[in-house]
Amino acid sequence: MSISTLKRKFEIAAKFAKISQIQKMLKLPKKIATIGSHSALQILKGAKDEGFETICVCERKRVKPYKMFPVADKIIEIDSFRDFLKIEKQLIAENAIVIPHGSFVEYLKTDKIKKLKVDHFGNKNILDWESDRRKQEKWLTAAKIKMPLIFDSPEKIDRPVIVKFHGARGGRGYFLANSTAEFYKRIAAHPDEKFTIQEYVVGVPIYVHYFYSRITRELEILGFDKRYESNADSIGRVAATDQITTNLQTSYTIVGNIPLVVRESLLPYFIKIGERVVEQSQKLEAPGLFGPFCLEGIVTSDLILTVFEISARIVAGTNPYIAGSPYTFLKYNEPMSTGRRIAREIKIAIENNQLDKVLG
């Protein structure tokens, strides 16, 4: 057989293999949908990589990135994310599964999310525990996770504290205070907001990206990141005397995310605390936490993570890893983002007639 004939046979085989793959993809009965913000590009890209058709529900003023990057098979434009319920019937007709993320939780709020009739990936009820910092404290404390001291009254402030507001806000509005008087001065700009007063812990900010599978009952570490916050991460470039004379106020609004690889000797510790968080969630809100989640905290000099927050869904800190992280490459030996891991979980559930296990 000549080289040209052999080459032609390989080309035909490759063509039919591709057609077969496409046909297999078209058999997937569900579509993946999310709102166009936060980690939507990653979620939609990962879904397409797993063979799903994708839908992006987007505010008209934000639509350009989702047209620029070819990750959405369909874009549904609405005036505001708060109008999401108006197109819910359309998503049901499309046989879509909605993937929640930080903006989804912030704009819809957990009470509306619970009322959704469209299929939803993950345990809706666990989002209540993310959105209420008092519930977070109860959850993490029961899981024996180290947390910063929480002050139940401003009058008890006796050290530097950080004041955080409830919900997925991306750090907006958080502020530092060193005394009761300073707290009341700065809280005046946030009337009627629910807040938590936390001890300010000094160390390295680390955000741990996990995935727990209800199908395999396995916990995975997908990656780590740290946040770049304005102006907290740039104020150190200003001399202390200038900070005082210019009356600079620290802000913690997240601008971007920086990928991070931790000391390998810390991995067993991070795995153990992640497992404890999942186990406790199963006692608090059956069937518990599953899918992606993140422990957000500070690693102090004793190499212990002091956790100040948990996100019970995909976090934007996974966005640097759209092509996969060092940890997902070690496990999967292929590009595996958190968004794609969600889609693969759904795909495996469909193929094994266990879709109900990943919906909630």
Protein backbone atom coordinates (compact mmCIF):
# COMPACT_ATOMS: atom_id res chain seq x y z
CA MET A 1 0.00 0.00 0.00
CA SER A 2 1.40 3.38 -1.01
CA ILE A 3 2.04 6.14 1.52
CA SER A 4 -0.57 8.36 -0.19
CA THR A 5 -3.23 5.60 0.04
CA LEU A 6 -2.40 4.96 3.70
CA LYS A 7 -2.59 8.67 4.42
CA ARG A 8 -5.99 8.85 2.74
CA LYS A 9 -7.28 5.94 4.85
CA PHE A 10 -6.15 7.69 8.03
CA GLU A 11 -7.89 10.91 6.92
CA ILE A 12 -11.15 9.02 6.28
CA ALA A 13 -10.90 7.20 9.63
CA ALA A 14 -10.25 10.49 11.43
CA LYS A 15 -13.21 12.08 9.64
CA PHE A 16 -15.58 9.29 10.67
CA ALA A 17 -14.21 9.35 14.23
CA LYS A 18 -14.98 13.06 14.40
CA ILE A 19 -18.49 12.51 13.00
CA SER A 20 -19.05 9.73 15.54
CA GLN A 21 -17.91 12.02 18.34
CA ILE A 22 -20.26 14.79 17.18
CA GLN A 23 -23.16 12.34 16.96
CA LYS A 24 -22.45 11.18 20.49
CA MET A 25 -22.41 14.79 21.67
CA LEU A 26 -25.77 15.49 20.03
CA LYS A 27 -27.34 12.72 22.11
CA LEU A 28 -26.86 14.71 25.31
CA PRO A 29 -30.44 15.60 26.28
CA LYS A 30 -29.59 18.64 28.38
CA LYS A 31 -28.20 22.11 27.72
CA ILE A 32 -26.04 24.10 30.12
CA ALA A 33 -27.10 27.64 31.01
CA THR A 34 -25.80 30.40 33.25
CA ILE A 35 -25.96 34.18 33.51
CA GLY A 36 -23.27 36.21 31.75
CA SER A 37 -21.00 37.33 34.58
CA HIS A 38 -18.48 36.07 37.17
CA SER A 39 -17.29 32.70 35.72
CA ALA A 40 -19.74 32.27 32.83
CA LEU A 41 -17.05 32.10 30.13
CA GLN A 42 -15.37 29.21 31.94
CA ILE A 43 -18.65 27.40 32.67
CA LEU A 44 -19.87 27.65 29.07
CA LYS A 45 -16.48 26.72 27.59
CA GLY A 46 -16.26 23.67 29.87
CA ALA A 47 -19.78 22.61 28.92
CA LYS A 48 -18.99 22.82 25.21
CA ASP A 49 -15.81 20.80 25.76
CA GLU A 50 -18.00 18.06 27.24
CA GLY A 51 -20.42 18.17 24.30
CA PHE A 52 -23.28 20.23 25.70
CA GLU A 53 -25.13 22.99 23.91
CA THR A 54 -24.85 26.19 25.91
CA ILE A 55 -27.04 29.18 26.76
CA CYS A 56 -25.90 32.51 28.19
CA VAL A 57 -28.52 34.72 29.82
CA CYS A 58 -27.01 38.17 29.60
CA GLU A 59 -27.81 41.79 30.33
CA ARG A 60 -27.88 43.76 27.09
CA LYS A 61 -25.21 46.14 28.33
CA ARG A 62 -22.82 43.20 29.05
CA VAL A 63 -23.34 41.07 25.96
CA LYS A 64 -20.18 41.87 23.94
CA PRO A 65 -17.75 39.45 25.65
CA TYR A 66 -20.18 36.56 25.13
CA LYS A 67 -20.34 37.40 21.43
CA MET A 68 -16.58 37.92 21.20
CA PHE A 69 -15.68 34.54 22.74
CA PRO A 70 -17.50 31.62 21.03
CA VAL A 71 -18.69 29.79 24.13
CA ALA A 72 -22.48 30.32 23.94
CA ASP A 73 -24.61 28.57 21.34
CA LYS A 74 -27.48 30.88 22.28
CA ILE A 75 -27.56 34.26 24.02
CA ILE A 76 -30.78 35.37 25.71
CA GLU A 77 -30.66 39.12 26.32
CA ILE A 78 -32.55 40.69 29.22
CA ASP A 79 -32.59 44.21 30.66
CA SER A 80 -31.46 43.13 34.13
CA PHE A 81 -30.35 39.89 35.79
CA ARG A 82 -33.24 40.46 38.17
CA ASP A 83 -35.52 39.68 35.20
CA PHE A 84 -34.17 36.13 35.09
CA LEU A 85 -37.46 34.62 36.26
CA LYS A 86 -39.18 36.10 33.19
CA ILE A 87 -37.24 33.77 30.90
CA GLU A 88 -37.33 30.71 33.15
CA LYS A 89 -40.04 29.01 31.05
CA GLN A 90 -37.84 29.47 27.98
CA LEU A 91 -34.96 27.70 29.74
CA ILE A 92 -37.28 24.87 30.78
CA ALA A 93 -38.40 24.51 27.15
CA GLU A 94 -34.71 24.39 26.15
CA ASN A 95 -34.21 21.51 28.65
CA ALA A 96 -31.48 23.53 30.36
CA ILE A 97 -29.58 23.00 33.61
CA VAL A 98 -28.67 26.28 35.30
CA ILE A 99 -25.20 26.55 36.87
CA PRO A 100 -25.05 28.99 39.82
CA HIS A 101 -22.10 31.29 40.47
CA GLY A 102 -21.40 34.35 42.61
CA SER A 103 -23.29 36.88 40.47
CA PHE A 104 -26.22 34.47 40.14
CA VAL A 105 -26.48 34.26 43.93
CA GLU A 106 -26.01 38.01 44.41
CA TYR A 107 -28.60 39.14 41.85
CA LEU A 108 -31.30 36.51 42.35
CA LYS A 109 -30.89 35.96 46.11
CA THR A 110 -31.45 32.58 47.70
CA ASP A 111 -35.20 33.00 48.23
CA LYS A 112 -35.77 33.33 44.46
CA ILE A 113 -33.26 30.59 43.64
CA LYS A 114 -35.21 28.18 45.84
CA LYS A 115 -38.36 28.89 43.82
CA LEU A 116 -36.75 28.10 40.46
CA LYS A 117 -38.45 25.29 38.56
CA VAL A 118 -35.73 25.02 35.91
CA ASP A 119 -33.12 22.33 36.67
CA HIS A 120 -30.38 23.67 38.94
CA PHE A 121 -26.94 22.12 39.53
CA GLY A 122 -26.13 21.73 43.22
CA ASN A 123 -28.02 21.91 46.49
CA LYS A 124 -30.08 25.13 46.50
CA ASN A 125 -30.54 24.99 50.27
CA ILE A 126 -26.80 25.03 50.95
CA LEU A 127 -26.61 28.49 49.33
CA ASP A 128 -28.51 29.80 52.38
CA TRP A 129 -25.51 28.86 54.50
CA GLU A 130 -23.16 30.77 52.20
CA SER A 131 -25.29 33.92 52.15
CA ASP A 132 -25.63 34.22 55.94
CA ARG A 133 -22.31 34.69 57.75
CA ARG A 134 -23.79 33.53 61.05
CA LYS A 135 -24.78 30.25 59.43
CA GLN A 136 -21.29 30.00 57.92
CA GLU A 137 -19.81 30.34 61.39
CA LYS A 138 -22.06 27.56 62.72
CA TRP A 139 -21.15 25.27 59.80
CA LEU A 140 -17.40 25.82 59.89
CA THR A 141 -17.17 25.69 63.67
CA ALA A 142 -19.02 22.36 63.72
CA ALA A 143 -16.55 21.08 61.09
CA LYS A 144 -13.69 22.05 63.45
CA ILE A 145 -12.34 24.64 61.02
CA LYS A 146 -10.28 27.44 62.56
CA MET A 147 -12.02 30.80 62.16
CA PRO A 148 -11.20 34.37 63.14
CA LEU A 149 -12.80 35.67 66.31
CA ILE A 150 -16.29 37.03 65.64
CA PHE A 151 -17.46 40.06 67.63
CA ASP A 152 -21.18 39.94 68.41
CA SER A 153 -21.18 43.61 69.42
CA PRO A 154 -19.22 46.65 68.16
CA GLU A 155 -18.69 47.63 71.81
CA LYS A 156 -16.47 44.57 72.26
CA ILE A 157 -13.94 45.56 69.58
CA ASP A 158 -10.49 45.46 71.23
CA ARG A 159 -8.22 44.80 68.23
CA PRO A 160 -8.13 45.40 64.45
CA VAL A 161 -11.26 44.01 62.79
CA ILE A 162 -12.63 43.74 59.28
CA VAL A 163 -16.32 44.39 58.73
CA LYS A 164 -17.91 42.28 55.99
CA PHE A 165 -21.37 42.40 54.52
CA HIS A 166 -23.56 39.38 53.80
CA GLY A 167 -23.94 37.90 50.31
CA ALA A 168 -21.65 37.46 47.29
CA ARG A 169 -20.39 41.05 46.97
CA GLY A 170 -16.82 40.55 45.77
CA GLY A 171 -15.46 42.45 48.77
CA ARG A 172 -17.37 45.66 48.02
CA GLY A 173 -17.79 47.91 51.02
CA TYR A 174 -15.65 45.89 53.46
CA PHE A 175 -13.69 48.07 55.83
CA LEU A 176 -11.18 47.94 58.70
CA ALA A 177 -11.74 49.39 62.16
CA ASN A 178 -9.52 49.55 65.23
CA SER A 179 -12.08 50.68 67.77
CA THR A 180 -15.78 50.93 68.51
CA ALA A 181 -15.77 54.62 67.60
CA GLU A 182 -14.13 53.99 64.22
CA PHE A 183 -16.63 51.22 63.51
CA TYR A 184 -19.63 53.50 64.05
CA LYS A 185 -18.05 56.26 61.98
CA ARG A 186 -17.56 53.98 58.96
CA ILE A 187 -20.72 51.85 59.25
CA ALA A 188 -22.78 55.03 58.83
CA ALA A 189 -22.17 54.79 55.07
CA HIS A 190 -23.91 51.37 55.00
CA PRO A 191 -27.34 51.79 56.63
CA ASP A 192 -29.58 48.71 56.86
CA GLU A 193 -26.80 46.33 55.72
CA LYS A 194 -26.32 42.99 57.48
CA PHE A 195 -22.70 42.67 58.56
CA THR A 196 -20.22 40.53 60.47
CA ILE A 197 -17.32 41.88 62.53
CA GLN A 198 -14.28 39.60 62.20
CA GLU A 199 -10.87 39.73 63.81
CA TYR A 200 -8.35 40.88 61.20
CA VAL A 201 -5.85 38.03 60.75
CA VAL A 202 -2.39 38.71 59.30
CA GLY A 203 -0.97 36.11 56.90
CA VAL A 204 -1.10 34.90 53.30
CA PRO A 205 -4.58 34.98 51.71
CA ILE A 206 -5.29 31.60 50.11
CA TYR A 207 -8.47 30.43 48.42
CA VAL A 208 -8.82 26.65 48.04
CA HIS A 209 -10.91 25.36 45.10
CA TYR A 210 -12.62 22.04 45.80
CA PHE A 211 -15.04 19.73 44.01
CA TYR A 212 -17.09 17.06 45.74
CA SER A 213 -18.78 14.43 43.57
CA ARG A 214 -22.05 12.83 44.65
CA ILE A 215 -21.45 10.22 41.95
CA THR A 216 -18.01 9.01 43.10
CA ARG A 217 -18.20 10.41 46.67
CA GLU A 218 -14.70 11.78 46.16
CA LEU A 219 -13.28 15.16 47.15
CA GLU A 220 -10.92 16.81 44.65
CA ILE A 221 -8.64 19.81 44.95
CA LEU A 222 -8.88 21.74 41.68
CA GLY A 223 -6.58 24.66 42.47
CA PHE A 224 -5.67 27.66 44.60
CA ASP A 225 -5.65 31.41 44.07
CA LYS A 226 -5.24 34.70 45.85
CA ARG A 227 -7.27 37.82 45.10
CA TYR A 228 -5.98 41.18 43.93
CA GLU A 229 -8.03 43.71 45.88
CA SER A 230 -8.34 47.44 45.35
CA ASN A 231 -6.82 49.27 47.03
CA ALA A 232 -5.66 46.88 49.74
CA ASP A 233 -3.00 45.32 47.49
CA SER A 234 -1.60 48.62 46.24
CA ILE A 235 -1.71 50.77 49.37
CA GLY A 236 1.59 49.23 50.51
CA ARG A 237 3.31 51.16 47.71
CA VAL A 238 2.40 54.39 49.50
CA ALA A 239 4.63 55.53 52.37
CA ALA A 240 2.98 55.37 55.80
CA THR A 241 3.30 59.14 56.29
CA ASP A 242 1.55 59.74 52.95
CA GLN A 243 -1.21 57.29 53.85
CA ILE A 244 -1.90 59.34 56.98
CA THR A 245 -1.71 62.78 55.38
CA THR A 246 -3.88 61.78 52.41
CA ASN A 247 -6.37 59.96 54.68
CA LEU A 248 -6.35 56.83 52.52
CA GLN A 249 -9.06 54.29 53.39
CA THR A 250 -8.43 50.64 52.58
CA SER A 251 -10.96 48.95 50.30
CA TYR A 252 -11.26 45.26 49.43
CA THR A 253 -13.17 45.17 46.14
CA ILE A 254 -11.81 42.25 44.12
CA VAL A 255 -10.29 43.29 40.80
CA GLY A 256 -8.68 40.04 39.69
CA ASN A 257 -7.30 36.66 40.67
CA ILE A 258 -3.73 35.38 40.85
CA PRO A 259 -3.01 31.63 40.42
CA LEU A 260 -1.14 29.96 43.24
CA VAL A 261 0.64 26.66 43.89
CA VAL A 262 1.02 25.75 47.56
CA ARG A 263 3.71 23.75 49.33
CA GLU A 264 3.10 20.09 48.53
CA SER A 265 3.39 19.18 52.21
CA LEU A 266 0.24 21.25 52.86
CA LEU A 267 -1.96 19.21 50.52
CA PRO A 268 -2.93 16.49 53.05
CA TYR A 269 -4.08 19.23 55.43
CA PHE A 270 -6.17 21.00 52.78
CA ILE A 271 -7.76 17.69 51.75
CA LYS A 272 -8.64 16.86 55.36
CA ILE A 273 -10.36 20.16 56.13
CA GLY A 274 -12.27 20.02 52.85
CA GLU A 275 -13.58 16.56 53.73
CA ARG A 276 -14.70 17.79 57.16
CA VAL A 277 -16.64 20.67 55.61
CA VAL A 278 -18.48 18.28 53.25
CA GLU A 279 -19.24 15.79 56.02
CA GLN A 280 -20.69 18.49 58.25
CA SER A 281 -22.80 19.91 55.41
CA GLN A 282 -24.46 16.51 55.00
CA LYS A 283 -25.62 16.71 58.62
CA LEU A 284 -26.84 20.29 58.32
CA GLU A 285 -28.60 20.34 54.95
CA ALA A 286 -29.06 16.93 53.32
CA PRO A 287 -27.82 15.80 50.86
CA GLY A 288 -25.12 18.32 51.72
CA LEU A 289 -22.61 20.28 49.71
CA PHE A 290 -21.64 18.89 46.31
CA GLY A 291 -20.05 20.25 43.17
CA PRO A 292 -17.52 23.09 43.43
CA PHE A 293 -16.88 25.09 46.59
CA CYS A 294 -14.14 27.24 48.05
CA LEU A 295 -12.62 27.80 51.49
CA GLU A 296 -11.32 31.35 51.71
CA GLY A 297 -8.87 32.25 54.40
CA ILE A 298 -5.46 33.28 55.68
CA VAL A 299 -2.53 30.92 56.20
CA THR A 300 -0.66 32.14 59.24
CA SER A 301 2.95 31.42 60.22
CA ASP A 302 1.91 28.14 61.89
CA LEU A 303 0.72 26.93 58.42
CA ILE A 304 -2.91 26.69 59.53
CA LEU A 305 -5.71 28.10 57.38
CA THR A 306 -7.92 30.50 59.31
CA VAL A 307 -11.10 30.39 57.23
CA PHE A 308 -13.15 33.58 57.09
CA GLU A 309 -15.60 32.52 54.41
CA ILE A 310 -16.97 29.61 52.41
CA SER A 311 -18.41 29.86 48.90
CA ALA A 312 -20.76 26.96 48.18
CA ARG A 313 -20.45 27.13 44.36
CA ILE A 314 -17.85 27.94 41.71
CA VAL A 315 -15.67 30.97 42.53
CA ALA A 316 -14.09 33.50 40.16
CA GLY A 317 -10.66 32.48 41.47
CA THR A 318 -10.92 29.42 39.22
CA ASN A 319 -10.94 31.64 36.09
CA PRO A 320 -7.13 31.62 35.63
CA TYR A 321 -7.46 27.86 35.10
CA ILE A 322 -9.75 27.69 32.05
CA ALA A 323 -7.12 25.42 30.46
CA GLY A 324 -6.72 23.54 33.75
CA SER A 325 -4.58 23.92 36.86
CA PRO A 326 -1.45 21.96 37.84
CA TYR A 327 -3.69 19.88 40.13
CA THR A 328 -6.37 19.04 37.55
CA PHE A 329 -3.65 18.14 35.04
CA LEU A 330 -2.13 15.73 37.56
CA LYS A 331 -5.50 14.03 38.01
CA TYR A 332 -7.01 14.16 34.51
CA ASN A 333 -4.01 14.59 32.22
CA GLU A 334 -6.11 16.91 30.04
CA PRO A 335 -7.37 20.50 30.30
CA MET A 336 -9.93 20.44 33.12
CA SER A 337 -11.33 23.70 34.49
CA THR A 338 -13.84 23.81 37.31
CA GLY A 339 -16.47 24.70 34.71
CA ARG A 340 -15.63 21.61 32.68
CA ARG A 341 -15.58 19.47 35.85
CA ILE A 342 -19.17 20.57 36.53
CA ALA A 343 -20.18 19.63 32.99
CA ARG A 344 -18.44 16.26 33.24
CA GLU A 345 -20.25 15.49 36.49
CA ILE A 346 -23.57 16.23 34.78
CA LYS A 347 -22.56 14.16 31.76
CA ILE A 348 -21.55 11.17 33.91
CA ALA A 349 -24.82 11.49 35.84
CA ILE A 350 -26.83 11.45 32.58
CA GLU A 351 -24.94 8.45 31.22
CA ASN A 352 -25.56 6.53 34.47
CA ASN A 353 -29.20 7.58 34.94
CA GLN A 354 -28.28 9.49 38.11
CA LEU A 355 -29.10 13.04 37.02
CA ASP A 356 -31.29 13.56 40.09
CA LYS A 357 -28.17 13.22 42.26
CA VAL A 358 -26.60 16.39 40.87
CA LEU A 359 -29.73 18.55 40.73
CA GLY A 360 -31.28 20.34 43.67
